[in-house]
N, C-alpha and C. Protein backbone atom coordinates (compact mmCIF):
# COMPACT_ATOMS: atom_id res chain seq x y z
N ALA A 1 0.84 -1.20 0.00
CA ALA A 1 0.00 0.00 0.00
C ALA A 1 0.88 1.26 0.00
N ARG A 2 1.97 1.19 0.81
CA ARG A 2 2.87 2.34 0.87
C ARG A 2 3.54 2.58 -0.48
N ARG A 3 3.93 1.48 -1.13
CA ARG A 3 4.56 1.61 -2.44
C ARG A 3 3.60 2.21 -3.46
N ALA A 4 2.36 1.75 -3.41
CA ALA A 4 1.34 2.28 -4.33
C ALA A 4 1.12 3.76 -4.10
N ALA A 5 1.15 4.14 -2.80
CA ALA A 5 0.96 5.56 -2.48
C ALA A 5 2.11 6.39 -3.00
N LEU A 6 3.35 5.86 -2.89
CA LEU A 6 4.52 6.59 -3.40
C LEU A 6 4.45 6.76 -4.92
N VAL A 7 4.03 5.67 -5.61
CA VAL A 7 3.89 5.74 -7.07
C VAL A 7 2.85 6.77 -7.46
N ALA A 8 1.72 6.75 -6.76
CA ALA A 8 0.65 7.71 -7.05
C ALA A 8 1.12 9.13 -6.80
N GLY A 9 1.89 9.30 -5.70
CA GLY A 9 2.40 10.62 -5.40
C GLY A 9 3.38 11.10 -6.46
N GLY A 10 4.25 10.17 -6.94
CA GLY A 10 5.20 10.54 -7.99
C GLY A 10 4.50 10.93 -9.26
N ILE A 11 3.46 10.21 -9.62
CA ILE A 11 2.69 10.54 -10.83
C ILE A 11 2.06 11.91 -10.70
N ALA A 12 1.52 12.20 -9.51
CA ALA A 12 0.88 13.49 -9.29
C ALA A 12 1.88 14.64 -9.43
N VAL A 13 3.08 14.43 -8.88
CA VAL A 13 4.11 15.46 -8.99
C VAL A 13 4.51 15.66 -10.45
N ALA A 14 4.68 14.54 -11.19
CA ALA A 14 5.06 14.64 -12.60
C ALA A 14 4.02 15.39 -13.42
N VAL A 15 2.75 15.11 -13.16
CA VAL A 15 1.67 15.79 -13.87
C VAL A 15 1.68 17.28 -13.56
N ALA A 16 1.91 17.60 -12.29
CA ALA A 16 1.95 19.01 -11.89
C ALA A 16 3.08 19.75 -12.58
N VAL A 17 4.25 19.10 -12.65
CA VAL A 17 5.39 19.71 -13.34
C VAL A 17 5.11 19.87 -14.82
N TRP A 18 4.48 18.85 -15.43
CA TRP A 18 4.14 18.90 -16.85
C TRP A 18 3.22 20.07 -17.16
N ILE A 19 2.24 20.30 -16.27
CA ILE A 19 1.26 21.36 -16.50
C ILE A 19 1.84 22.73 -16.18
N ALA A 20 2.51 22.83 -15.05
CA ALA A 20 2.99 24.14 -14.59
C ALA A 20 4.38 24.47 -15.11
N GLY A 21 5.12 23.47 -15.61
CA GLY A 21 6.50 23.69 -16.03
C GLY A 21 6.69 24.82 -17.01
N PRO A 22 6.01 24.81 -18.17
CA PRO A 22 6.20 25.88 -19.15
C PRO A 22 5.92 27.26 -18.57
N ALA A 23 4.87 27.36 -17.74
CA ALA A 23 4.54 28.66 -17.16
C ALA A 23 5.66 29.16 -16.26
N LEU A 24 6.32 28.24 -15.57
CA LEU A 24 7.43 28.62 -14.70
C LEU A 24 8.69 28.91 -15.50
N LEU A 25 8.96 28.09 -16.51
CA LEU A 25 10.19 28.24 -17.28
C LEU A 25 10.19 29.49 -18.15
N GLU A 26 9.00 29.92 -18.61
CA GLU A 26 8.98 31.08 -19.50
C GLU A 26 9.38 32.36 -18.79
N ARG A 27 9.42 32.33 -17.47
CA ARG A 27 9.86 33.50 -16.71
C ARG A 27 11.38 33.60 -16.63
N LEU A 28 12.06 32.54 -16.99
CA LEU A 28 13.51 32.54 -16.91
C LEU A 28 14.12 33.27 -18.11
N ALA A 29 15.15 34.09 -17.82
CA ALA A 29 15.81 34.85 -18.87
C ALA A 29 16.45 33.94 -19.91
N LEU A 30 16.83 32.73 -19.50
CA LEU A 30 17.47 31.78 -20.40
C LEU A 30 16.60 31.48 -21.61
N PHE A 31 15.27 31.50 -21.43
CA PHE A 31 14.35 31.10 -22.49
C PHE A 31 13.69 32.28 -23.19
N ARG A 32 14.19 33.49 -22.97
CA ARG A 32 13.66 34.64 -23.71
C ARG A 32 14.14 34.58 -25.16
N VAL A 33 13.26 34.93 -26.07
CA VAL A 33 13.58 34.83 -27.50
C VAL A 33 14.65 35.85 -27.86
N ARG A 34 15.77 35.35 -28.35
CA ARG A 34 16.86 36.23 -28.78
C ARG A 34 17.16 36.07 -30.27
N GLN A 35 16.51 35.10 -30.91
CA GLN A 35 16.77 34.87 -32.33
C GLN A 35 15.51 34.33 -32.99
N ILE A 36 15.23 34.83 -34.20
CA ILE A 36 14.11 34.33 -35.00
C ILE A 36 14.67 33.89 -36.35
N GLU A 37 14.50 32.61 -36.68
CA GLU A 37 15.00 32.06 -37.93
C GLU A 37 13.85 31.97 -38.93
N LEU A 38 14.06 32.50 -40.12
CA LEU A 38 13.04 32.45 -41.17
C LEU A 38 13.46 31.45 -42.24
N VAL A 39 12.54 30.56 -42.58
CA VAL A 39 12.80 29.54 -43.60
C VAL A 39 11.72 29.66 -44.68
N GLY A 40 12.14 29.73 -45.95
CA GLY A 40 11.18 29.79 -47.05
C GLY A 40 10.79 31.19 -47.47
N VAL A 41 11.35 32.21 -46.83
CA VAL A 41 11.00 33.59 -47.18
C VAL A 41 11.87 34.04 -48.35
N ARG A 42 11.25 34.25 -49.50
CA ARG A 42 11.98 34.68 -50.70
C ARG A 42 11.54 36.06 -51.17
N HIS A 43 10.24 36.30 -51.18
CA HIS A 43 9.71 37.54 -51.74
C HIS A 43 9.15 38.48 -50.66
N LEU A 44 8.70 37.94 -49.55
CA LEU A 44 8.19 38.78 -48.47
C LEU A 44 9.35 39.50 -47.78
N ALA A 45 9.07 40.66 -47.24
CA ALA A 45 10.07 41.38 -46.46
C ALA A 45 10.25 40.66 -45.12
N PRO A 46 11.46 40.24 -44.77
CA PRO A 46 11.67 39.53 -43.49
C PRO A 46 11.14 40.30 -42.29
N ASP A 47 11.31 41.63 -42.30
CA ASP A 47 10.82 42.42 -41.17
C ASP A 47 9.30 42.31 -41.02
N ALA A 48 8.60 42.20 -42.15
CA ALA A 48 7.14 42.09 -42.10
C ALA A 48 6.72 40.75 -41.49
N VAL A 49 7.45 39.69 -41.82
CA VAL A 49 7.14 38.37 -41.25
C VAL A 49 7.38 38.38 -39.75
N ILE A 50 8.51 38.95 -39.34
CA ILE A 50 8.81 39.01 -37.90
C ILE A 50 7.78 39.87 -37.17
N ALA A 51 7.40 41.00 -37.77
CA ALA A 51 6.41 41.88 -37.13
C ALA A 51 5.06 41.20 -36.98
N SER A 52 4.72 40.30 -37.93
CA SER A 52 3.42 39.63 -37.86
C SER A 52 3.29 38.73 -36.63
N LEU A 53 4.43 38.32 -36.04
CA LEU A 53 4.39 37.49 -34.83
C LEU A 53 3.84 38.27 -33.64
N ARG A 54 4.04 39.59 -33.66
CA ARG A 54 3.60 40.48 -32.57
C ARG A 54 4.11 39.98 -31.21
N LEU A 55 5.40 39.70 -31.16
CA LEU A 55 6.00 39.22 -29.92
C LEU A 55 6.18 40.38 -28.95
N PRO A 56 5.77 40.22 -27.69
CA PRO A 56 6.04 41.27 -26.70
C PRO A 56 7.50 41.27 -26.30
N GLU A 57 7.92 42.33 -25.63
CA GLU A 57 9.28 42.36 -25.11
C GLU A 57 9.46 41.22 -24.12
N ALA A 58 10.64 40.66 -24.10
CA ALA A 58 10.97 39.55 -23.20
C ALA A 58 10.08 38.34 -23.47
N ALA A 59 9.68 38.16 -24.74
CA ALA A 59 8.87 36.99 -25.09
C ALA A 59 9.68 35.72 -24.87
N SER A 60 9.00 34.66 -24.49
CA SER A 60 9.66 33.39 -24.20
C SER A 60 9.45 32.40 -25.35
N VAL A 61 10.38 31.45 -25.48
CA VAL A 61 10.20 30.40 -26.47
C VAL A 61 9.01 29.51 -26.12
N PHE A 62 8.52 29.66 -24.88
CA PHE A 62 7.34 28.89 -24.49
C PHE A 62 6.04 29.60 -24.85
N SER A 63 6.13 30.69 -25.63
CA SER A 63 4.92 31.34 -26.14
C SER A 63 4.11 30.34 -26.95
N ASP A 64 2.81 30.57 -27.06
CA ASP A 64 1.91 29.66 -27.78
C ASP A 64 2.26 29.66 -29.27
N THR A 65 2.90 28.59 -29.74
CA THR A 65 3.32 28.55 -31.14
C THR A 65 2.14 28.44 -32.10
N ARG A 66 1.01 27.89 -31.63
CA ARG A 66 -0.17 27.83 -32.50
C ARG A 66 -0.70 29.23 -32.78
N LEU A 67 -0.71 30.07 -31.74
CA LEU A 67 -1.15 31.45 -31.93
C LEU A 67 -0.19 32.19 -32.85
N LEU A 68 1.10 32.00 -32.65
CA LEU A 68 2.10 32.65 -33.51
C LEU A 68 1.96 32.19 -34.95
N THR A 69 1.71 30.90 -35.15
CA THR A 69 1.52 30.36 -36.50
C THR A 69 0.32 31.01 -37.19
N ASP A 70 -0.79 31.15 -36.46
CA ASP A 70 -1.98 31.77 -37.03
C ASP A 70 -1.72 33.22 -37.42
N ARG A 71 -0.90 33.90 -36.62
CA ARG A 71 -0.60 35.30 -36.95
C ARG A 71 0.19 35.40 -38.25
N VAL A 72 1.16 34.52 -38.43
CA VAL A 72 1.94 34.54 -39.67
C VAL A 72 1.06 34.17 -40.86
N LYS A 73 0.16 33.18 -40.67
CA LYS A 73 -0.73 32.77 -41.75
C LYS A 73 -1.63 33.92 -42.19
N GLY A 74 -1.90 34.85 -41.29
CA GLY A 74 -2.76 35.99 -41.62
C GLY A 74 -2.07 37.07 -42.42
N LEU A 75 -0.78 36.93 -42.65
CA LEU A 75 -0.02 37.93 -43.41
C LEU A 75 -0.28 37.74 -44.90
N SER A 76 -0.57 38.83 -45.59
CA SER A 76 -0.78 38.76 -47.04
C SER A 76 0.47 38.21 -47.72
N GLY A 77 0.26 37.27 -48.64
CA GLY A 77 1.38 36.65 -49.34
C GLY A 77 1.83 35.34 -48.74
N VAL A 78 1.23 34.94 -47.61
CA VAL A 78 1.59 33.67 -46.96
C VAL A 78 0.52 32.63 -47.29
N ALA A 79 0.93 31.53 -47.91
CA ALA A 79 0.00 30.43 -48.21
C ALA A 79 -0.12 29.48 -47.03
N ASP A 80 0.98 29.26 -46.33
CA ASP A 80 0.98 28.39 -45.16
C ASP A 80 2.19 28.73 -44.30
N ALA A 81 2.11 28.40 -43.03
CA ALA A 81 3.21 28.70 -42.12
C ALA A 81 3.10 27.86 -40.88
N TRP A 82 4.22 27.69 -40.19
CA TRP A 82 4.21 27.08 -38.87
C TRP A 82 5.43 27.56 -38.10
N VAL A 83 5.29 27.65 -36.79
CA VAL A 83 6.34 28.16 -35.91
C VAL A 83 6.73 27.06 -34.94
N VAL A 84 8.03 26.84 -34.79
CA VAL A 84 8.52 25.82 -33.86
C VAL A 84 9.58 26.44 -32.95
N ARG A 85 9.76 25.83 -31.79
CA ARG A 85 10.74 26.31 -30.81
C ARG A 85 12.10 25.72 -31.10
N ARG A 86 13.13 26.53 -30.88
CA ARG A 86 14.52 26.08 -30.97
C ARG A 86 15.19 26.47 -29.66
N PHE A 87 15.27 25.53 -28.74
CA PHE A 87 15.80 25.84 -27.41
C PHE A 87 17.29 26.14 -27.47
N PRO A 88 17.77 27.06 -26.62
CA PRO A 88 16.99 27.63 -25.52
C PRO A 88 16.31 28.95 -25.83
N ALA A 89 16.66 29.64 -26.96
CA ALA A 89 16.20 31.02 -27.07
C ALA A 89 15.85 31.44 -28.50
N ALA A 90 15.38 30.52 -29.34
CA ALA A 90 15.09 30.87 -30.73
C ALA A 90 13.73 30.31 -31.16
N LEU A 91 13.13 31.00 -32.12
CA LEU A 91 11.93 30.51 -32.79
C LEU A 91 12.25 30.36 -34.26
N ARG A 92 11.81 29.27 -34.85
CA ARG A 92 12.00 29.06 -36.29
C ARG A 92 10.63 29.19 -36.97
N VAL A 93 10.56 30.07 -37.95
CA VAL A 93 9.31 30.34 -38.66
C VAL A 93 9.44 29.80 -40.09
N TRP A 94 8.66 28.78 -40.39
CA TRP A 94 8.63 28.20 -41.74
C TRP A 94 7.48 28.86 -42.51
N VAL A 95 7.77 29.30 -43.73
CA VAL A 95 6.76 30.00 -44.53
C VAL A 95 6.71 29.40 -45.93
N ARG A 96 5.48 29.20 -46.42
CA ARG A 96 5.28 28.88 -47.84
C ARG A 96 4.54 30.06 -48.44
N GLU A 97 5.22 30.75 -49.34
CA GLU A 97 4.66 31.96 -49.90
C GLU A 97 3.67 31.66 -51.04
N VAL A 98 2.76 32.59 -51.27
CA VAL A 98 1.87 32.52 -52.43
C VAL A 98 2.73 32.73 -53.68
N GLU A 99 2.54 31.88 -54.67
CA GLU A 99 3.35 31.96 -55.90
C GLU A 99 2.98 33.20 -56.71
N PRO A 100 3.94 34.05 -57.04
CA PRO A 100 3.64 35.21 -57.89
C PRO A 100 3.47 34.79 -59.34
N THR A 101 2.57 35.47 -60.06
CA THR A 101 2.26 35.07 -61.44
C THR A 101 2.56 36.15 -62.47
N ALA A 102 2.33 37.41 -62.12
CA ALA A 102 2.51 38.47 -63.12
C ALA A 102 2.77 39.81 -62.45
N PHE A 103 3.33 40.73 -63.25
CA PHE A 103 3.39 42.13 -62.88
C PHE A 103 2.18 42.82 -63.49
N VAL A 104 1.66 43.82 -62.79
CA VAL A 104 0.59 44.66 -63.32
C VAL A 104 0.98 46.12 -63.09
N PRO A 105 0.97 46.95 -64.15
CA PRO A 105 1.32 48.36 -63.97
C PRO A 105 0.32 49.07 -63.06
N SER A 106 0.83 49.97 -62.25
CA SER A 106 0.00 50.78 -61.37
C SER A 106 0.66 52.14 -61.21
N PRO A 107 -0.08 53.12 -60.66
CA PRO A 107 0.54 54.44 -60.44
C PRO A 107 1.78 54.39 -59.55
N ARG A 108 1.90 53.34 -58.75
CA ARG A 108 3.06 53.21 -57.85
C ARG A 108 4.17 52.35 -58.44
N GLY A 109 4.01 51.95 -59.70
CA GLY A 109 4.99 51.08 -60.33
C GLY A 109 4.40 49.72 -60.61
N LEU A 110 5.23 48.72 -60.75
CA LEU A 110 4.75 47.37 -61.04
C LEU A 110 4.31 46.67 -59.76
N LEU A 111 3.05 46.21 -59.77
CA LEU A 111 2.53 45.39 -58.67
C LEU A 111 2.72 43.92 -59.03
N VAL A 112 2.95 43.11 -58.01
CA VAL A 112 3.02 41.66 -58.20
C VAL A 112 1.66 41.08 -57.83
N VAL A 113 1.12 40.19 -58.70
CA VAL A 113 -0.18 39.58 -58.42
C VAL A 113 -0.06 38.06 -58.46
N ASP A 114 -1.02 37.40 -57.82
CA ASP A 114 -1.04 35.95 -57.81
C ASP A 114 -1.92 35.43 -58.95
N ALA A 115 -2.21 34.12 -58.94
CA ALA A 115 -2.95 33.50 -60.04
C ALA A 115 -4.38 34.01 -60.17
N ALA A 116 -4.91 34.60 -59.09
CA ALA A 116 -6.26 35.17 -59.13
C ALA A 116 -6.24 36.68 -59.34
N ALA A 117 -5.08 37.22 -59.72
CA ALA A 117 -4.89 38.65 -59.96
C ALA A 117 -5.02 39.48 -58.69
N ARG A 118 -4.78 38.87 -57.53
CA ARG A 118 -4.77 39.61 -56.27
C ARG A 118 -3.37 40.15 -56.00
N ALA A 119 -3.29 41.38 -55.52
CA ALA A 119 -2.00 42.01 -55.26
C ALA A 119 -1.27 41.31 -54.13
N LEU A 120 0.03 41.15 -54.29
CA LEU A 120 0.89 40.56 -53.27
C LEU A 120 1.87 41.61 -52.77
N PRO A 121 2.24 41.56 -51.49
CA PRO A 121 3.14 42.59 -50.94
C PRO A 121 4.61 42.30 -51.21
N TYR A 122 4.92 41.99 -52.46
CA TYR A 122 6.30 41.67 -52.83
C TYR A 122 6.93 42.87 -53.51
N ASP A 123 8.16 43.17 -53.17
CA ASP A 123 8.89 44.27 -53.77
C ASP A 123 9.79 43.71 -54.87
N PRO A 124 9.46 43.96 -56.15
CA PRO A 124 10.27 43.40 -57.25
C PRO A 124 11.73 43.82 -57.18
N ALA A 125 11.98 45.04 -56.75
CA ALA A 125 13.36 45.53 -56.70
C ALA A 125 14.18 44.78 -55.64
N ARG A 126 13.52 44.35 -54.57
CA ARG A 126 14.25 43.69 -53.49
C ARG A 126 14.48 42.21 -53.77
N SER A 127 13.45 41.54 -54.31
CA SER A 127 13.54 40.09 -54.46
C SER A 127 13.96 39.63 -55.85
N GLY A 128 14.00 40.56 -56.82
CA GLY A 128 14.45 40.18 -58.16
C GLY A 128 13.52 39.22 -58.88
N ILE A 129 12.20 39.38 -58.70
CA ILE A 129 11.24 38.50 -59.37
C ILE A 129 11.23 38.77 -60.87
N ASP A 130 11.19 37.70 -61.66
CA ASP A 130 11.12 37.82 -63.12
C ASP A 130 9.78 37.26 -63.57
N LEU A 131 8.87 38.15 -63.99
CA LEU A 131 7.52 37.74 -64.36
C LEU A 131 7.07 38.47 -65.63
N PRO A 132 6.11 37.88 -66.37
CA PRO A 132 5.53 38.61 -67.50
C PRO A 132 4.67 39.76 -66.99
N VAL A 133 4.46 40.75 -67.84
CA VAL A 133 3.65 41.91 -67.47
C VAL A 133 2.25 41.75 -68.06
N ALA A 134 1.25 41.73 -67.22
CA ALA A 134 -0.14 41.73 -67.68
C ALA A 134 -0.59 43.18 -67.79
N ALA A 135 -1.27 43.51 -68.88
CA ALA A 135 -1.65 44.90 -69.12
C ALA A 135 -2.53 45.44 -68.01
N THR A 136 -3.43 44.60 -67.48
CA THR A 136 -4.30 44.99 -66.37
C THR A 136 -4.46 43.79 -65.43
N ALA A 137 -5.04 44.04 -64.27
CA ALA A 137 -5.27 42.96 -63.32
C ALA A 137 -6.52 42.18 -63.72
N ASP A 138 -6.49 41.62 -64.92
CA ASP A 138 -7.60 40.84 -65.48
C ASP A 138 -7.41 39.39 -65.06
N SER A 139 -8.38 38.85 -64.33
CA SER A 139 -8.25 37.49 -63.81
C SER A 139 -8.17 36.46 -64.93
N GLY A 140 -8.81 36.75 -66.09
CA GLY A 140 -8.73 35.83 -67.22
C GLY A 140 -7.33 35.77 -67.80
N VAL A 141 -6.70 36.92 -67.98
CA VAL A 141 -5.34 36.98 -68.53
C VAL A 141 -4.36 36.35 -67.55
N VAL A 142 -4.45 36.75 -66.28
CA VAL A 142 -3.52 36.21 -65.28
C VAL A 142 -3.76 34.72 -65.08
N GLY A 143 -5.02 34.28 -65.21
CA GLY A 143 -5.32 32.86 -65.09
C GLY A 143 -4.64 32.03 -66.17
N VAL A 144 -4.61 32.55 -67.39
CA VAL A 144 -3.90 31.86 -68.48
C VAL A 144 -2.41 31.78 -68.16
N LEU A 145 -1.85 32.87 -67.68
CA LEU A 145 -0.43 32.86 -67.31
C LEU A 145 -0.14 31.85 -66.21
N ALA A 146 -1.06 31.76 -65.25
CA ALA A 146 -0.88 30.80 -64.15
C ALA A 146 -0.90 29.36 -64.65
N ARG A 147 -1.78 29.07 -65.63
CA ARG A 147 -1.82 27.71 -66.18
C ARG A 147 -0.53 27.40 -66.94
N ILE A 148 -0.05 28.37 -67.70
CA ILE A 148 1.23 28.17 -68.41
C ILE A 148 2.35 27.95 -67.39
N GLN A 149 2.32 28.70 -66.32
CA GLN A 149 3.35 28.59 -65.28
C GLN A 149 3.40 27.18 -64.69
N SER A 150 2.23 26.55 -64.53
CA SER A 150 2.18 25.22 -63.94
C SER A 150 2.46 24.12 -64.96
N VAL A 151 2.08 24.35 -66.24
CA VAL A 151 2.24 23.32 -67.27
C VAL A 151 3.64 23.32 -67.87
N ASP A 152 4.16 24.52 -68.16
CA ASP A 152 5.47 24.62 -68.82
C ASP A 152 6.22 25.84 -68.29
N PRO A 153 6.93 25.70 -67.16
CA PRO A 153 7.65 26.84 -66.58
C PRO A 153 8.65 27.48 -67.54
N ALA A 154 9.26 26.68 -68.43
CA ALA A 154 10.22 27.24 -69.38
C ALA A 154 9.54 28.23 -70.33
N LEU A 155 8.36 27.85 -70.85
CA LEU A 155 7.60 28.76 -71.70
C LEU A 155 7.19 29.99 -70.92
N PHE A 156 6.74 29.80 -69.70
CA PHE A 156 6.29 30.92 -68.87
C PHE A 156 7.38 31.99 -68.75
N HIS A 157 8.61 31.56 -68.55
CA HIS A 157 9.70 32.51 -68.35
C HIS A 157 10.15 33.18 -69.65
N GLU A 158 9.65 32.70 -70.79
CA GLU A 158 9.95 33.34 -72.07
C GLU A 158 8.92 34.39 -72.45
N ILE A 159 7.78 34.42 -71.73
CA ILE A 159 6.71 35.36 -72.05
C ILE A 159 7.04 36.73 -71.46
N ASN A 160 6.95 37.75 -72.30
CA ASN A 160 7.25 39.11 -71.84
C ASN A 160 6.02 39.84 -71.32
N ALA A 161 4.89 39.67 -72.02
CA ALA A 161 3.70 40.43 -71.66
C ALA A 161 2.45 39.68 -72.11
N ALA A 162 1.32 40.10 -71.55
CA ALA A 162 0.03 39.47 -71.91
C ALA A 162 -1.07 40.51 -71.78
N ARG A 163 -2.04 40.41 -72.68
CA ARG A 163 -3.18 41.32 -72.59
C ARG A 163 -4.41 40.67 -73.24
N ARG A 164 -5.57 41.19 -72.88
CA ARG A 164 -6.82 40.66 -73.43
C ARG A 164 -7.17 41.40 -74.71
N ILE A 165 -7.65 40.65 -75.70
CA ILE A 165 -8.12 41.28 -76.93
C ILE A 165 -9.47 40.67 -77.29
N GLY A 166 -10.20 41.37 -78.12
CA GLY A 166 -11.48 40.85 -78.60
C GLY A 166 -12.44 40.54 -77.47
N ARG A 167 -13.02 39.35 -77.52
CA ARG A 167 -14.02 38.97 -76.54
C ARG A 167 -13.44 38.19 -75.36
N GLY A 168 -12.17 38.32 -75.18
CA GLY A 168 -11.59 37.66 -74.01
C GLY A 168 -10.39 36.80 -74.33
N ASP A 169 -10.01 36.71 -75.61
CA ASP A 169 -8.79 35.97 -75.94
C ASP A 169 -7.58 36.67 -75.34
N VAL A 170 -6.51 35.91 -75.16
CA VAL A 170 -5.32 36.44 -74.51
C VAL A 170 -4.17 36.43 -75.51
N LEU A 171 -3.58 37.60 -75.71
CA LEU A 171 -2.44 37.73 -76.61
C LEU A 171 -1.16 37.75 -75.77
N LEU A 172 -0.28 36.79 -76.06
CA LEU A 172 0.99 36.70 -75.34
C LEU A 172 2.11 37.21 -76.23
N GLU A 173 2.96 38.03 -75.66
CA GLU A 173 4.18 38.44 -76.35
C GLU A 173 5.28 37.49 -75.91
N TRP A 174 5.72 36.66 -76.85
CA TRP A 174 6.67 35.59 -76.58
C TRP A 174 7.95 35.93 -77.35
N GLY A 175 8.84 36.66 -76.71
CA GLY A 175 10.02 37.15 -77.41
C GLY A 175 9.58 38.11 -78.51
N SER A 176 10.02 37.84 -79.74
CA SER A 176 9.65 38.69 -80.86
C SER A 176 8.35 38.23 -81.52
N ARG A 177 7.74 37.17 -80.99
CA ARG A 177 6.54 36.61 -81.60
C ARG A 177 5.33 36.82 -80.69
N ARG A 178 4.16 36.48 -81.25
CA ARG A 178 2.93 36.61 -80.50
C ARG A 178 2.13 35.31 -80.60
N VAL A 179 1.51 34.95 -79.49
CA VAL A 179 0.70 33.74 -79.44
C VAL A 179 -0.68 34.12 -78.93
N LEU A 180 -1.70 33.69 -79.63
CA LEU A 180 -3.08 33.99 -79.26
C LEU A 180 -3.72 32.76 -78.66
N LEU A 181 -4.22 32.88 -77.43
CA LEU A 181 -4.88 31.78 -76.74
C LEU A 181 -6.26 32.21 -76.26
N GLY A 182 -7.19 31.25 -76.23
CA GLY A 182 -8.46 31.51 -75.59
C GLY A 182 -8.26 31.58 -74.08
N ARG A 183 -9.07 32.35 -73.36
CA ARG A 183 -8.87 32.48 -71.92
C ARG A 183 -9.17 31.17 -71.19
N ASP A 184 -9.82 30.22 -71.89
CA ASP A 184 -10.10 28.92 -71.28
C ASP A 184 -9.10 27.85 -71.76
N ALA A 185 -8.00 28.28 -72.37
CA ALA A 185 -7.01 27.32 -72.89
C ALA A 185 -6.50 26.43 -71.76
N GLY A 186 -6.55 25.12 -72.00
CA GLY A 186 -6.12 24.17 -70.99
C GLY A 186 -4.71 23.66 -71.23
N PRO A 187 -4.26 22.72 -70.42
CA PRO A 187 -2.90 22.18 -70.55
C PRO A 187 -2.60 21.62 -71.93
N GLU A 188 -3.60 20.96 -72.57
CA GLU A 188 -3.33 20.35 -73.87
C GLU A 188 -3.05 21.41 -74.94
N VAL A 189 -3.72 22.55 -74.85
CA VAL A 189 -3.48 23.63 -75.81
C VAL A 189 -2.11 24.25 -75.57
N ILE A 190 -1.78 24.44 -74.31
CA ILE A 190 -0.47 25.03 -73.98
C ILE A 190 0.66 24.12 -74.47
N ARG A 191 0.52 22.81 -74.25
CA ARG A 191 1.55 21.88 -74.72
C ARG A 191 1.63 21.88 -76.25
N ALA A 192 0.48 22.01 -76.91
CA ALA A 192 0.47 22.03 -78.37
C ALA A 192 1.22 23.25 -78.91
N VAL A 193 1.05 24.40 -78.27
CA VAL A 193 1.77 25.60 -78.68
C VAL A 193 3.27 25.37 -78.63
N VAL A 194 3.73 24.75 -77.56
CA VAL A 194 5.16 24.48 -77.39
C VAL A 194 5.65 23.51 -78.46
N LEU A 195 4.88 22.47 -78.71
CA LEU A 195 5.28 21.46 -79.71
C LEU A 195 5.35 22.06 -81.11
N VAL A 196 4.38 22.89 -81.45
CA VAL A 196 4.38 23.53 -82.77
C VAL A 196 5.60 24.44 -82.90
N ALA A 197 5.88 25.23 -81.86
CA ALA A 197 7.04 26.12 -81.91
C ALA A 197 8.33 25.33 -82.05
N GLN A 198 8.44 24.21 -81.34
CA GLN A 198 9.64 23.38 -81.44
C GLN A 198 9.77 22.78 -82.84
N ASP A 199 8.65 22.36 -83.42
CA ASP A 199 8.69 21.76 -84.76
C ASP A 199 9.09 22.79 -85.81
N LEU A 200 8.53 23.99 -85.71
CA LEU A 200 8.88 25.04 -86.66
C LEU A 200 10.36 25.42 -86.54
N ALA A 201 10.85 25.48 -85.30
CA ALA A 201 12.26 25.82 -85.10
C ALA A 201 13.16 24.72 -85.65
N ALA A 202 12.77 23.44 -85.45
CA ALA A 202 13.59 22.32 -85.93
C ALA A 202 13.68 22.32 -87.45
N ARG A 203 12.62 22.78 -88.12
CA ARG A 203 12.61 22.80 -89.59
C ARG A 203 13.01 24.16 -90.17
N ALA A 204 13.43 25.06 -89.26
CA ALA A 204 13.84 26.41 -89.65
C ALA A 204 12.76 27.13 -90.45
N ARG A 205 11.51 26.88 -90.05
CA ARG A 205 10.38 27.53 -90.71
C ARG A 205 10.15 28.91 -90.09
N PRO A 206 10.18 29.98 -90.88
CA PRO A 206 9.95 31.31 -90.31
C PRO A 206 8.48 31.49 -89.94
N TYR A 207 8.25 32.18 -88.86
CA TYR A 207 6.88 32.49 -88.45
C TYR A 207 6.93 33.69 -87.50
N VAL A 208 5.80 34.31 -87.35
CA VAL A 208 5.72 35.46 -86.44
C VAL A 208 4.72 35.21 -85.33
């Protein structure tokens, strides 16, 4: 009976330490956050990602990482994120950014937009993004560019500009040539364009 009581007492102490431990440890200076590691940040401003954490002064690595993760996920341009502890005094923030698809001219210069033509907080001058220029933030035009980006990245990077003509067709400026696609062009059409261009080049057939 005495042994059983000792075991029960030990379990109770362990549970108490497990529950109260983080609350006690986060008060120690040893565990105050002194470093934040960013992983996957290419186009977002690092300072903006760090600011999104909204860490108070003397924040501890025992801060609620789920809450911190949700804060980073709420930042424009973030597709997914998670925050993990790096003992004794660091937080590692993993970020998956929204893929940029096109530039769109604006009074403030070139804006970066995603596949749905939504503006992204990316600074082209800082991150060196290389994207085609869409004449306007037209979801149909940008949607075609996004499909090309996923089907044939090599072709995507050769496109200089895109704009809508007629009843919604998309005109692509591909180097010195132009390619006309319907706004509903699917992967098979995009692949066909590439194959035709390769065939004409192999036979040295001139075309515009």
